[in-house]
PDB file of N, CA and C in Angstrom:
ATOM      1  N   UNK A   1      31.808 158.009  58.234  1.00  0.00           N
ATOM      2  CA  UNK A   1      30.884 158.955  58.862  1.00  0.00           C
ATOM      3  C   UNK A   1      30.685 158.531  60.314  1.00  0.00           C
ATOM      4  N   UNK A   2      30.830 159.457  61.275  1.00  0.00           N
ATOM      5  CA  UNK A   2      30.659 159.092  62.678  1.00  0.00           C
ATOM      6  C   UNK A   2      29.200 158.738  62.990  1.00  0.00           C
ATOM      7  N   UNK A   3      29.018 157.853  63.945  1.00  0.00           N
ATOM      8  CA  UNK A   3      27.679 157.453  64.360  1.00  0.00           C
ATOM      9  C   UNK A   3      27.042 158.482  65.294  1.00  0.00           C
ATOM     10  N   UNK A   4      27.872 159.233  66.013  1.00  0.00           N
ATOM     11  CA  UNK A   4      27.376 160.247  66.934  1.00  0.00           C
ATOM     12  C   UNK A   4      27.830 161.629  66.520  1.00  0.00           C
ATOM     13  N   UNK A   5      26.967 162.590  66.747  1.00  0.00           N
ATOM     14  CA  UNK A   5      27.333 163.982  66.509  1.00  0.00           C
ATOM     15  C   UNK A   5      27.142 164.736  67.825  1.00  0.00           C
ATOM     16  N   UNK A   6      28.216 165.291  68.338  1.00  0.00           N
ATOM     17  CA  UNK A   6      28.161 166.055  69.582  1.00  0.00           C
ATOM     18  C   UNK A   6      28.202 167.534  69.223  1.00  0.00           C
ATOM     19  N   UNK A   7      27.164 168.252  69.606  1.00  0.00           N
ATOM     20  CA  UNK A   7      27.084 169.676  69.342  1.00  0.00           C
ATOM     21  C   UNK A   7      27.685 170.407  70.536  1.00  0.00           C
ATOM     22  N   UNK A   8      28.720 171.191  70.299  1.00  0.00           N
ATOM     23  CA  UNK A   8      29.375 171.938  71.361  1.00  0.00           C
ATOM     24  C   UNK A   8      28.625 173.254  71.579  1.00  0.00           C
ATOM     25  N   UNK A   9      28.397 173.575  72.840  1.00  0.00           N
ATOM     26  CA  UNK A   9      27.708 174.798  73.214  1.00  0.00           C
ATOM     27  C   UNK A   9      28.565 175.568  74.195  1.00  0.00           C
ATOM     28  N   UNK A  10      28.702 176.846  73.973  1.00  0.00           N
ATOM     29  CA  UNK A  10      29.462 177.686  74.895  1.00  0.00           C
ATOM     30  C   UNK A  10      28.532 178.123  76.018  1.00  0.00           C
ATOM     31  N   UNK A  11      28.893 177.786  77.228  1.00  0.00           N
ATOM     32  CA  UNK A  11      28.091 178.156  78.388  1.00  0.00           C
ATOM     33  C   UNK A  11      28.741 179.324  79.114  1.00  0.00           C
ATOM     34  N   UNK A  12      27.911 180.180  79.655  1.00  0.00           N
ATOM     35  CA  UNK A  12      28.392 181.270  80.490  1.00  0.00           C
ATOM     36  C   UNK A  12      27.768 181.099  81.865  1.00  0.00           C
ATOM     37  N   UNK A  13      28.362 181.714  82.862  1.00  0.00           N
ATOM     38  CA  UNK A  13      27.781 181.740  84.200  1.00  0.00           C
ATOM     39  C   UNK A  13      27.301 183.145  84.480  1.00  0.00           C
ATOM     40  N   UNK A  14      26.103 183.227  85.030  1.00  0.00           N
ATOM     41  CA  UNK A  14      25.528 184.519  85.359  1.00  0.00           C
ATOM     42  C   UNK A  14      24.871 184.421  86.717  1.00  0.00           C
ATOM     43  N   UNK A  15      24.753 185.537  87.373  1.00  0.00           N
ATOM     44  CA  UNK A  15      24.131 185.582  88.688  1.00  0.00           C
ATOM     45  C   UNK A  15      22.790 186.283  88.571  1.00  0.00           C
ATOM     46  N   UNK A  16      21.744 185.626  89.094  1.00  0.00           N
ATOM     47  CA  UNK A  16      20.413 186.232  89.113  1.00  0.00           C
ATOM     48  C   UNK A  16      19.860 186.138  90.526  1.00  0.00           C
ATOM     49  N   UNK A  17      18.886 186.982  90.819  1.00  0.00           N
ATOM     50  CA  UNK A  17      18.237 186.933  92.122  1.00  0.00           C
ATOM     51  C   UNK A  17      16.812 186.447  91.931  1.00  0.00           C
ATOM     52  N   UNK A  18      16.396 185.516  92.807  1.00  0.00           N
ATOM     53  CA  UNK A  18      15.058 184.946  92.762  1.00  0.00           C
ATOM     54  C   UNK A  18      14.419 185.086  94.139  1.00  0.00           C
ATOM     55  N   UNK A  19      13.104 185.084  94.164  1.00  0.00           N
ATOM     56  CA  UNK A  19      12.427 185.027  95.458  1.00  0.00           C
ATOM     57  C   UNK A  19      12.639 183.635  96.041  1.00  0.00           C
ATOM     58  N   UNK A  20      12.455 183.524  97.350  1.00  0.00           N
ATOM     59  CA  UNK A  20      12.595 182.224  98.009  1.00  0.00           C
ATOM     60  C   UNK A  20      11.685 181.179  97.370  1.00  0.00           C
ATOM     61  N   UNK A  21      10.444 181.559  97.110  1.00  0.00           N
ATOM     62  CA  UNK A  21       9.483 180.586  96.577  1.00  0.00           C
ATOM     63  C   UNK A  21       9.858 180.144  95.161  1.00  0.00           C
ATOM     64  N   UNK A  22      10.358 181.058  94.342  1.00  0.00           N
ATOM     65  CA  UNK A  22      10.766 180.688  92.992  1.00  0.00           C
ATOM     66  C   UNK A  22      11.986 179.780  93.024  1.00  0.00           C
ATOM     67  N   UNK A  23      12.960 180.094  93.872  1.00  0.00           N
ATOM     68  CA  UNK A  23      14.152 179.250  93.995  1.00  0.00           C
ATOM     69  C   UNK A  23      13.764 177.843  94.453  1.00  0.00           C
ATOM     70  N   UNK A  24      12.829 177.764  95.387  1.00  0.00           N
ATOM     71  CA  UNK A  24      12.361 176.462  95.864  1.00  0.00           C
ATOM     72  C   UNK A  24      11.699 175.688  94.733  1.00  0.00           C
ATOM     73  N   UNK A  25      10.859 176.369  93.951  1.00  0.00           N
ATOM     74  CA  UNK A  25      10.173 175.697  92.853  1.00  0.00           C
ATOM     75  C   UNK A  25      11.139 175.260  91.758  1.00  0.00           C
ATOM     76  N   UNK A  26      12.181 176.040  91.507  1.00  0.00           N
ATOM     77  CA  UNK A  26      13.196 175.620  90.535  1.00  0.00           C
ATOM     78  C   UNK A  26      13.843 174.324  91.004  1.00  0.00           C
ATOM     79  N   UNK A  27      14.221 174.270  92.276  1.00  0.00           N
ATOM     80  CA  UNK A  27      14.820 173.051  92.822  1.00  0.00           C
ATOM     81  C   UNK A  27      13.842 171.884  92.787  1.00  0.00           C
ATOM     82  N   UNK A  28      12.585 172.154  93.110  1.00  0.00           N
ATOM     83  CA  UNK A  28      11.585 171.088  93.087  1.00  0.00           C
ATOM     84  C   UNK A  28      11.346 170.579  91.671  1.00  0.00           C
ATOM     85  N   UNK A  29      11.289 171.492  90.717  1.00  0.00           N
ATOM     86  CA  UNK A  29      11.081 171.077  89.328  1.00  0.00           C
ATOM     87  C   UNK A  29      12.285 170.297  88.821  1.00  0.00           C
ATOM     88  N   UNK A  30      13.474 170.730  89.210  1.00  0.00           N
ATOM     89  CA  UNK A  30      14.688 170.012  88.824  1.00  0.00           C
ATOM     90  C   UNK A  30      14.651 168.582  89.364  1.00  0.00           C
ATOM     91  N   UNK A  31      14.242 168.421  90.613  1.00  0.00           N
ATOM     92  CA  UNK A  31      14.125 167.079  91.186  1.00  0.00           C
ATOM     93  C   UNK A  31      13.050 166.281  90.459  1.00  0.00           C
ATOM     94  N   UNK A  32      11.950 166.928  90.125  1.00  0.00           N
ATOM     95  CA  UNK A  32      10.832 166.293  89.430  1.00  0.00           C
ATOM     96  C   UNK A  32      11.253 165.718  88.078  1.00  0.00           C
ATOM     97  N   UNK A  33      12.064 166.470  87.320  1.00  0.00           N
ATOM     98  CA  UNK A  33      12.476 165.995  85.989  1.00  0.00           C
ATOM     99  C   UNK A  33      13.878 165.384  85.997  1.00  0.00           C
ATOM    100  N   UNK A  34      14.461 165.268  87.190  1.00  0.00           N
ATOM    101  CA  UNK A  34      15.802 164.696  87.357  1.00  0.00           C
ATOM    102  C   UNK A  34      16.832 165.425  86.485  1.00  0.00           C
ATOM    103  N   UNK A  35      16.864 166.730  86.669  1.00  0.00           N
ATOM    104  CA  UNK A  35      17.796 167.583  85.929  1.00  0.00           C
ATOM    105  C   UNK A  35      18.405 168.570  86.921  1.00  0.00           C
ATOM    106  N   UNK A  36      19.303 169.394  86.433  1.00  0.00           N
ATOM    107  CA  UNK A  36      19.899 170.412  87.298  1.00  0.00           C
ATOM    108  C   UNK A  36      19.024 171.669  87.289  1.00  0.00           C
ATOM    109  N   UNK A  37      19.196 172.488  88.314  1.00  0.00           N
ATOM    110  CA  UNK A  37      18.484 173.763  88.378  1.00  0.00           C
ATOM    111  C   UNK A  37      18.867 174.636  87.180  1.00  0.00           C
ATOM    112  N   UNK A  38      20.128 174.577  86.763  1.00  0.00           N
ATOM    113  CA  UNK A  38      20.574 175.334  85.592  1.00  0.00           C
ATOM    114  C   UNK A  38      19.781 174.927  84.349  1.00  0.00           C
ATOM    115  N   UNK A  39      19.586 173.621  84.181  1.00  0.00           N
ATOM    116  CA  UNK A  39      18.841 173.130  83.021  1.00  0.00           C
ATOM    117  C   UNK A  39      17.387 173.596  83.057  1.00  0.00           C
ATOM    118  N   UNK A  40      16.783 173.610  84.241  1.00  0.00           N
ATOM    119  CA  UNK A  40      15.398 174.065  84.382  1.00  0.00           C
ATOM    120  C   UNK A  40      15.278 175.525  83.956  1.00  0.00           C
ATOM    121  N   UNK A  41      16.160 176.367  84.468  1.00  0.00           N
ATOM    122  CA  UNK A  41      16.106 177.792  84.136  1.00  0.00           C
ATOM    123  C   UNK A  41      16.379 178.000  82.648  1.00  0.00           C
ATOM    124  N   UNK A  42      17.393 177.337  82.119  1.00  0.00           N
ATOM    125  CA  UNK A  42      17.733 177.456  80.691  1.00  0.00           C
ATOM    126  C   UNK A  42      16.542 177.076  79.807  1.00  0.00           C
ATOM    127  N   UNK A  43      15.948 175.931  80.074  1.00  0.00           N
ATOM    128  CA  UNK A  43      14.846 175.455  79.242  1.00  0.00           C
ATOM    129  C   UNK A  43      13.579 176.279  79.429  1.00  0.00           C
ATOM    130  N   UNK A  44      13.310 176.724  80.649  1.00  0.00           N
ATOM    131  CA  UNK A  44      12.127 177.547  80.892  1.00  0.00           C
ATOM    132  C   UNK A  44      12.228 178.878  80.151  1.00  0.00           C
ATOM    133  N   UNK A  45      13.389 179.505  80.229  1.00  0.00           N
ATOM    134  CA  UNK A  45      13.566 180.780  79.524  1.00  0.00           C
ATOM    135  C   UNK A  45      13.507 180.585  78.016  1.00  0.00           C
ATOM    136  N   UNK A  46      14.138 179.549  77.529  1.00  0.00           N
ATOM    137  CA  UNK A  46      14.104 179.261  76.096  1.00  0.00           C
ATOM    138  C   UNK A  46      12.664 179.055  75.623  1.00  0.00           C
ATOM    139  N   UNK A  47      11.881 178.337  76.408  1.00  0.00           N
ATOM    140  CA  UNK A  47      10.474 178.090  76.078  1.00  0.00           C
ATOM    141  C   UNK A  47       9.695 179.403  76.008  1.00  0.00           C
ATOM    142  N   UNK A  48       9.858 180.253  77.023  1.00  0.00           N
ATOM    143  CA  UNK A  48       9.138 181.530  77.053  1.00  0.00           C
ATOM    144  C   UNK A  48       9.551 182.402  75.872  1.00  0.00           C
ATOM    145  N   UNK A  49      10.850 182.481  75.601  1.00  0.00           N
ATOM    146  CA  UNK A  49      11.334 183.325  74.503  1.00  0.00           C
ATOM    147  C   UNK A  49      10.757 182.892  73.163  1.00  0.00           C
ATOM    148  N   UNK A  50      10.674 181.587  72.926  1.00  0.00           N
ATOM    149  CA  UNK A  50      10.169 181.113  71.633  1.00  0.00           C
ATOM    150  C   UNK A  50       8.650 181.228  71.523  1.00  0.00           C
ATOM    151  N   UNK A  51       7.928 181.167  72.636  1.00  0.00           N
ATOM    152  CA  UNK A  51       6.462 181.211  72.611  1.00  0.00           C
ATOM    153  C   UNK A  51       5.893 182.620  72.624  1.00  0.00           C
ATOM    154  N   UNK A  52       6.662 183.602  73.061  1.00  0.00           N
ATOM    155  CA  UNK A  52       6.176 184.981  73.173  1.00  0.00           C
ATOM    156  C   UNK A  52       6.272 185.659  71.806  1.00  0.00           C
ATOM    157  N   UNK A  53       5.145 185.796  71.141  1.00  0.00           N
ATOM    158  CA  UNK A  53       5.126 186.366  69.788  1.00  0.00           C
ATOM    159  C   UNK A  53       5.552 187.829  69.774  1.00  0.00           C
ATOM    160  N   UNK A  54       5.127 188.584  70.778  1.00  0.00           N
ATOM    161  CA  UNK A  54       5.529 189.991  70.844  1.00  0.00           C
ATOM    162  C   UNK A  54       7.048 190.116  71.004  1.00  0.00           C
ATOM    163  N   UNK A  55       7.639 189.241  71.811  1.00  0.00           N
ATOM    164  CA  UNK A  55       9.085 189.263  71.990  1.00  0.00           C
ATOM    165  C   UNK A  55       9.794 188.889  70.686  1.00  0.00           C
ATOM    166  N   UNK A  56       9.265 187.925  69.961  1.00  0.00           N
ATOM    167  CA  UNK A  56       9.861 187.535  68.681  1.00  0.00           C
ATOM    168  C   UNK A  56       9.843 188.702  67.691  1.00  0.00           C
ATOM    169  N   UNK A  57       8.773 189.482  67.714  1.00  0.00           N
ATOM    170  CA  UNK A  57       8.694 190.673  66.863  1.00  0.00           C
ATOM    171  C   UNK A  57       9.703 191.723  67.320  1.00  0.00           C
ATOM    172  N   UNK A  58       9.830 191.906  68.638  1.00  0.00           N
ATOM    173  CA  UNK A  58      10.807 192.846  69.188  1.00  0.00           C
ATOM    174  C   UNK A  58      12.218 192.482  68.743  1.00  0.00           C
ATOM    175  N   UNK A  59      12.539 191.194  68.723  1.00  0.00           N
ATOM    176  CA  UNK A  59      13.877 190.755  68.313  1.00  0.00           C
ATOM    177  C   UNK A  59      14.218 191.167  66.879  1.00  0.00           C
ATOM    178  N   UNK A  60      13.208 191.367  66.063  1.00  0.00           N
ATOM    179  CA  UNK A  60      13.425 191.781  64.673  1.00  0.00           C
ATOM    180  C   UNK A  60      13.643 193.292  64.543  1.00  0.00           C
ATOM    181  N   UNK A  61      13.390 194.024  65.604  1.00  0.00           N
ATOM    182  CA  UNK A  61      13.499 195.479  65.556  1.00  0.00           C
ATOM    183  C   UNK A  61      14.925 195.932  65.878  1.00  0.00           C
ATOM    184  N   UNK A  62      15.287 197.140  65.442  1.00  0.00           N
ATOM    185  CA  UNK A  62      16.608 197.686  65.775  1.00  0.00           C
ATOM    186  C   UNK A  62      16.796 197.884  67.283  1.00  0.00           C
ATOM    187  N   UNK A  63      15.680 198.102  68.013  1.00  0.00           N
ATOM    188  CA  UNK A  63      15.771 198.292  69.461  1.00  0.00           C
ATOM    189  C   UNK A  63      16.371 197.073  70.162  1.00  0.00           C
ATOM    190  N   UNK A  64      16.141 195.900  69.629  1.00  0.00           N
ATOM    191  CA  UNK A  64      16.650 194.677  70.256  1.00  0.00           C
ATOM    192  C   UNK A  64      18.172 194.618  70.219  1.00  0.00           C
ATOM    193  N   UNK A  65      18.772 195.274  69.247  1.00  0.00           N
ATOM    194  CA  UNK A  65      20.227 195.266  69.117  1.00  0.00           C
ATOM    195  C   UNK A  65      20.889 196.357  69.957  1.00  0.00           C
ATOM    196  N   UNK A  66      20.097 197.283  70.467  1.00  0.00           N
ATOM    197  CA  UNK A  66      20.642 198.414  71.219  1.00  0.00           C
ATOM    198  C   UNK A  66      20.192 198.405  72.674  1.00  0.00           C
ATOM    199  N   UNK A  67      20.234 197.270  73.311  1.00  0.00           N
ATOM    200  CA  UNK A  67      19.820 197.176  74.706  1.00  0.00           C
ATOM    201  C   UNK A  67      21.010 197.376  75.631  1.00  0.00           C
ATOM    202  N   UNK A  68      20.726 197.803  76.838  1.00  0.00           N
ATOM    203  CA  UNK A  68      21.765 197.917  77.847  1.00  0.00           C
ATOM    204  C   UNK A  68      21.764 196.609  78.643  1.00  0.00           C
ATOM    205  N   UNK A  69      22.829 195.816  78.578  1.00  0.00           N
ATOM    206  CA  UNK A  69      22.855 194.543  79.306  1.00  0.00           C
ATOM    207  C   UNK A  69      22.747 194.750  80.812  1.00  0.00           C
ATOM    208  N   UNK A  70      21.890 193.961  81.451  1.00  0.00           N
ATOM    209  CA  UNK A  70      21.731 194.030  82.900  1.00  0.00           C
ATOM    210  C   UNK A  70      22.046 192.692  83.571  1.00  0.00           C
ATOM    211  N   UNK A  71      22.219 191.635  82.809  1.00  0.00           N
ATOM    212  CA  UNK A  71      22.555 190.333  83.375  1.00  0.00           C
ATOM    213  C   UNK A  71      23.996 190.351  83.851  1.00  0.00           C
ATOM    214  N   UNK A  72      24.211 189.922  85.087  1.00  0.00           N
ATOM    215  CA  UNK A  72      25.558 189.921  85.657  1.00  0.00           C
ATOM    216  C   UNK A  72      26.268 188.642  85.245  1.00  0.00           C
ATOM    217  N   UNK A  73      27.109 188.745  84.220  1.00  0.00           N
ATOM    218  CA  UNK A  73      27.834 187.594  83.697  1.00  0.00           C
ATOM    219  C   UNK A  73      29.166 187.486  84.416  1.00  0.00           C
ATOM    220  N   UNK A  74      29.456 186.290  84.889  1.00  0.00           N
ATOM    221  CA  UNK A  74      30.718 186.041  85.582  1.00  0.00           C
ATOM    222  C   UNK A  74      31.809 185.781  84.566  1.00  0.00           C
ATOM    223  N   UNK A  75      32.991 186.258  84.862  1.00  0.00           N
ATOM    224  CA  UNK A  75      34.136 186.016  83.983  1.00  0.00           C
ATOM    225  C   UNK A  75      34.485 184.534  84.045  1.00  0.00           C
ATOM    226  N   UNK A  76      34.769 183.913  82.898  1.00  0.00           N
ATOM    227  CA  UNK A  76      35.070 182.478  82.893  1.00  0.00           C
ATOM    228  C   UNK A  76      36.388 182.178  83.597  1.00  0.00           C
ATOM    229  N   UNK A  77      36.424 181.040  84.263  1.00  0.00           N
ATOM    230  CA  UNK A  77      37.659 180.569  84.886  1.00  0.00           C
ATOM    231  C   UNK A  77      38.597 180.076  83.794  1.00  0.00           C
ATOM    232  N   UNK A  78      39.853 179.978  84.116  1.00  0.00           N
ATOM    233  CA  UNK A  78      40.866 179.569  83.150  1.00  0.00           C
ATOM    234  C   UNK A  78      40.580 178.175  82.599  1.00  0.00           C
ATOM    235  N   UNK A  79      40.076 177.281  83.446  1.00  0.00           N
ATOM    236  CA  UNK A  79      39.859 175.899  83.010  1.00  0.00           C
ATOM    237  C   UNK A  79      38.449 175.636  82.502  1.00  0.00           C
ATOM    238  N   UNK A  80      37.620 176.680  82.285  1.00  0.00           N
ATOM    239  CA  UNK A  80      36.286 176.464  81.727  1.00  0.00           C
ATOM    240  C   UNK A  80      36.406 175.918  80.310  1.00  0.00           C
ATOM    241  N   UNK A  81      35.614 174.914  80.018  1.00  0.00           N
ATOM    242  CA  UNK A  81      35.622 174.300  78.696  1.00  0.00           C
ATOM    243  C   UNK A  81      34.218 174.293  78.134  1.00  0.00           C
ATOM    244  N   UNK A  82      34.132 174.104  76.844  1.00  0.00           N
ATOM    245  CA  UNK A  82      32.844 173.995  76.191  1.00  0.00           C
ATOM    246  C   UNK A  82      32.230 172.655  76.540  1.00  0.00           C
ATOM    247  N   UNK A  83      30.919 172.654  76.819  1.00  0.00           N
ATOM    248  CA  UNK A  83      30.221 171.426  77.180  1.00  0.00           C
ATOM    249  C   UNK A  83      29.318 170.996  76.040  1.00  0.00           C
ATOM    250  N   UNK A  84      29.047 169.687  75.929  1.00  0.00           N
ATOM    251  CA  UNK A  84      28.095 169.222  74.919  1.00  0.00           C
ATOM    252  C   UNK A  84      26.709 169.789  75.205  1.00  0.00           C
ATOM    253  N   UNK A  85      25.906 169.945  74.169  1.00  0.00           N
ATOM    254  CA  UNK A  85      24.577 170.517  74.322  1.00  0.00           C
ATOM    255  C   UNK A  85      23.674 169.617  75.158  1.00  0.00           C
ATOM    256  N   UNK A  86      23.865 168.319  75.092  1.00  0.00           N
ATOM    257  CA  UNK A  86      23.073 167.389  75.882  1.00  0.00           C
ATOM    258  C   UNK A  86      23.902 166.967  77.080  1.00  0.00           C
ATOM    259  N   UNK A  87      23.405 167.277  78.271  1.00  0.00           N
ATOM    260  CA  UNK A  87      24.130 166.939  79.489  1.00  0.00           C
ATOM    261  C   UNK A  87      23.353 165.883  80.251  1.00  0.00           C
ATOM    262  N   UNK A  88      24.074 165.088  81.043  1.00  0.00           N
ATOM    263  CA  UNK A  88      23.424 164.108  81.904  1.00  0.00           C
ATOM    264  C   UNK A  88      22.714 164.828  83.032  1.00  0.00           C
ATOM    265  N   UNK A  89      21.511 164.381  83.411  1.00  0.00           N
ATOM    266  CA  UNK A  89      20.791 165.019  84.520  1.00  0.00           C
ATOM    267  C   UNK A  89      21.567 164.870  85.822  1.00  0.00           C
ATOM    268  N   UNK A  90      21.529 165.937  86.618  1.00  0.00           N
ATOM    269  CA  UNK A  90      22.134 165.904  87.942  1.00  0.00           C
ATOM    270  C   UNK A  90      21.133 166.466  88.927  1.00  0.00           C
ATOM    271  N   UNK A  91      21.242 166.087  90.163  1.00  0.00           N
ATOM    272  CA  UNK A  91      20.330 166.643  91.158  1.00  0.00           C
ATOM    273  C   UNK A  91      20.929 167.924  91.710  1.00  0.00           C
ATOM    274  N   UNK A  92      20.071 168.845  92.063  1.00  0.00           N
ATOM    275  CA  UNK A  92      20.516 170.124  92.600  1.00  0.00           C
ATOM    276  C   UNK A  92      20.795 169.981  94.087  1.00  0.00           C
ATOM    277  N   UNK A  93      21.852 170.644  94.541  1.00  0.00           N
ATOM    278  CA  UNK A  93      22.180 170.604  95.957  1.00  0.00           C
ATOM    279  C   UNK A  93      21.984 171.957  96.614  1.00  0.00           C
ATOM    280  N   UNK A  94      21.330 172.876  95.918  1.00  0.00           N
ATOM    281  CA  UNK A  94      21.118 174.210  96.470  1.00  0.00           C
ATOM    282  C   UNK A  94      20.080 174.156  97.576  1.00  0.00           C
ATOM    283  N   UNK A  95      20.270 174.932  98.648  1.00  0.00           N
ATOM    284  CA  UNK A  95      19.259 174.965  99.704  1.00  0.00           C
ATOM    285  C   UNK A  95      17.989 175.626  99.194  1.00  0.00           C
ATOM    286  N   UNK A  96      16.821 175.184  99.645  1.00  0.00           N
ATOM    287  CA  UNK A  96      15.563 175.702  99.115  1.00  0.00           C
ATOM    288  C   UNK A  96      15.304 177.159  99.454  1.00  0.00           C
ATOM    289  N   UNK A  97      15.999 177.748 100.428  1.00  0.00           N
ATOM    290  CA  UNK A  97      15.762 179.147 100.777  1.00  0.00           C
ATOM    291  C   UNK A  97      16.721 180.088 100.074  1.00  0.00           C
ATOM    292  N   UNK A  98      17.452 179.586  99.120  1.00  0.00           N
ATOM    293  CA  UNK A  98      18.432 180.394  98.398  1.00  0.00           C
ATOM    294  C   UNK A  98      17.723 181.489  97.611  1.00  0.00           C
ATOM    295  N   UNK A  99      18.235 182.715  97.681  1.00  0.00           N
ATOM    296  CA  UNK A  99      17.620 183.816  96.953  1.00  0.00           C
ATOM    297  C   UNK A  99      18.470 184.279  95.777  1.00  0.00           C
ATOM    298  N   UNK A 100      19.693 183.840  95.683  1.00  0.00           N
ATOM    299  CA  UNK A 100      20.542 184.143  94.534  1.00  0.00           C
ATOM    300  C   UNK A 100      20.935 182.827  93.913  1.00  0.00           C
ATOM    301  N   UNK A 101      20.735 182.709  92.614  1.00  0.00           N
ATOM    302  CA  UNK A 101      21.014 181.448  91.946  1.00  0.00           C
ATOM    303  C   UNK A 101      22.083 181.650  90.891  1.00  0.00           C
ATOM    304  N   UNK A 102      22.843 180.629  90.648  1.00  0.00           N
ATOM    305  CA  UNK A 102      23.820 180.652  89.577  1.00  0.00           C
ATOM    306  C   UNK A 102      23.198 179.950  88.390  1.00  0.00           C
ATOM    307  N   UNK A 103      23.281 180.577  87.237  1.00  0.00           N
ATOM    308  CA  UNK A 103      22.627 180.057  86.062  1.00  0.00           C
ATOM    309  C   UNK A 103      23.618 179.935  84.930  1.00  0.00           C
ATOM    310  N   UNK A 104      23.642 178.793  84.296  1.00  0.00           N
ATOM    311  CA  UNK A 104      24.461 178.618  83.103  1.00  0.00           C
ATOM    312  C   UNK A 104      23.516 178.632  81.918  1.00  0.00           C
ATOM    313  N   UNK A 105      23.778 179.477  80.965  1.00  0.00           N
ATOM    314  CA  UNK A 105      22.933 179.547  79.788  1.00  0.00           C
ATOM    315  C   UNK A 105      23.765 179.577  78.537  1.00  0.00           C
ATOM    316  N   UNK A 106      23.173 179.176  77.432  1.00  0.00           N
ATOM    317  CA  UNK A 106      23.925 179.220  76.191  1.00  0.00           C
ATOM    318  C   UNK A 106      23.867 180.621  75.626  1.00  0.00           C
ATOM    319  N   UNK A 107      24.925 181.034  75.025  1.00  0.00           N
ATOM    320  CA  UNK A 107      25.003 182.369  74.435  1.00  0.00           C
ATOM    321  C   UNK A 107      25.104 182.190  72.938  1.00  0.00           C
ATOM    322  N   UNK A 108      24.203 182.837  72.234  1.00  0.00           N
ATOM    323  CA  UNK A 108      24.157 182.680  70.771  1.00  0.00           C
ATOM    324  C   UNK A 108      25.280 183.422  70.111  1.00  0.00           C
TER     325      UNK A 108
END
């Protein structure tokens, strides 16, 4: 039996637009917890989705399955590979006035 179990997660790249102040705070929070901006956005959204009871009820409805996707997902590059679910923290190098952010999120 192996001593370690690595859970593989498929990551996608998507483009979102943020206000200057939100982008700055994402970078600041990433520096604060010594993680990447992608990790901050991923974990923040995951937290909100699980805590919002009304949203959890919506997910059980047929309407949740019939949504029109609006997230701009980038096509994967040829050499994109699956990454482990636990990643080493990295510092963000994005400028604080950035208004468009690149976000990697897990897709269920």
